[in-house]
C-alpha cells in the first residue's frame, strides 16, 4: 500500500485528488495539508511514502518547501502544477530540486479524469524511486563547468538520448559537459506538453551548446541538442547528407508521447553506425527495444547503471535485451561519449552484454 499525503492550498483540489486516488486498491490517501507548515507536521506523524505538492501556496511556496524537505527529510515528491509559463518553469526547477515527476493540475483546461492515469503512474513510480538531495552548490558547480572544443570525429554523426523519471537531472549532467562541436543530439524526455519548452530553455541557459525544443523540419547540426516537444513523437530523418527531425502526432507508445522507442527506431534506420544511443533512468521499458535496434544497426549504445538511476526500469530492460554495449554510471557517460568520438573509447568486454 502506497501512503500519499496531498499538499495543496485548494480544498477542492485536495477533495478531487483524494476521491480519485482512493479508487485504487494499492493507494491510501493518509491526509491533506493546506500549506507546507501543516504538511511538515503531518509528514512526521503520518509518514507518507509519496507527497503530491502544489507549487503556489500561502506562507511558504512549494519550491522552498521542496528544497527544505530534500535536505532534511527526503521523500518522493510528485509536483502537481497548473499549465502556465511561470508554473512550467517552476516545475522544471522542482525536478532539479529532487521532485520525481511533474503532472498537470486539474482546472479549467484539465479535469481529474484527464490527469488520473498520469497521476496514478507518477505516484507508483515515485514510490519506487531512489530519492537524494541535490544541493544548490552541486547545481552551481554544474552550471559553471567550463566546456571547450576538442578534436572529435563528427562527420554525419548523431547522438540520441532517452530518459524518463529522474531524466531531467541526468540529461543536464550530460549536456552541461558537452563541447561546442559535439554532434547533433536528439533527445526524448518523458514530460507533459508545455513543460518541454521550459526544460529546453533551462538547459540552453546553462549549457555551452545550444538546446531548444524541436520543431518539425529542424536540422540536426553539431553543437545543437533538440528536445522532443511534449505530446508529440520525434523521429530522425535523413535528407541527403544531413539529418533533420520530424515532429508528429500519433498514438502513445509505451503509454508515452514522445516515445524513446519511436526516436531510437528511426535513428537505427536512418543513421545506423553513425549514431550513438544513450538510455537513461526511467520507469518502464520505453527505449529498450529501440536501443537494441540501434545496436543491431552498428550504433554504439550506452545504458545508465542501476546505482546512479533514480529508477532502473528503462536502462535495466535494455541491459536484459542485450541492447547496451556499455553500462556506465551517470558521471562517466559524457566523458565516454567524448572519448568515443575522439577515437579513444573502446567497448568494454563484459561490462554489459557485449560479445
Foldseek 3Di string as FASTA:
>chain_A
DFEEEEEALDPVLVVQVQVLQVVDPVYHDPYYHNHLVRVVVCCVVVVGQEYEAEQDGPPDGRLVSLLVCQVPPDHAYEYAYAQDLVRLLVVLSSVVQWHFYYDYGDDDVHHCVRCSVVVVVSSVLSSQFDTHGDDPVNVVCLLPDDAADDDFQAQLAEEEEEEEGSVLVLVLLQQQHYHQFAWFYEYEYFHAANNVQSSQVVSCNRHPAHGGADDAFAWRGGSYYYYDGAQWEKAWDDDVSTIGIGTHHDDDDQNTVHFLLRHLQRCLVHRQQSYEYEYEADAAATNLVSLQSNVVSNHAYEYEAPVQHRHCHHSVSNLVVLSHLAYYHSNCVNVLSRCVRNVNHDRDPPRTNHD
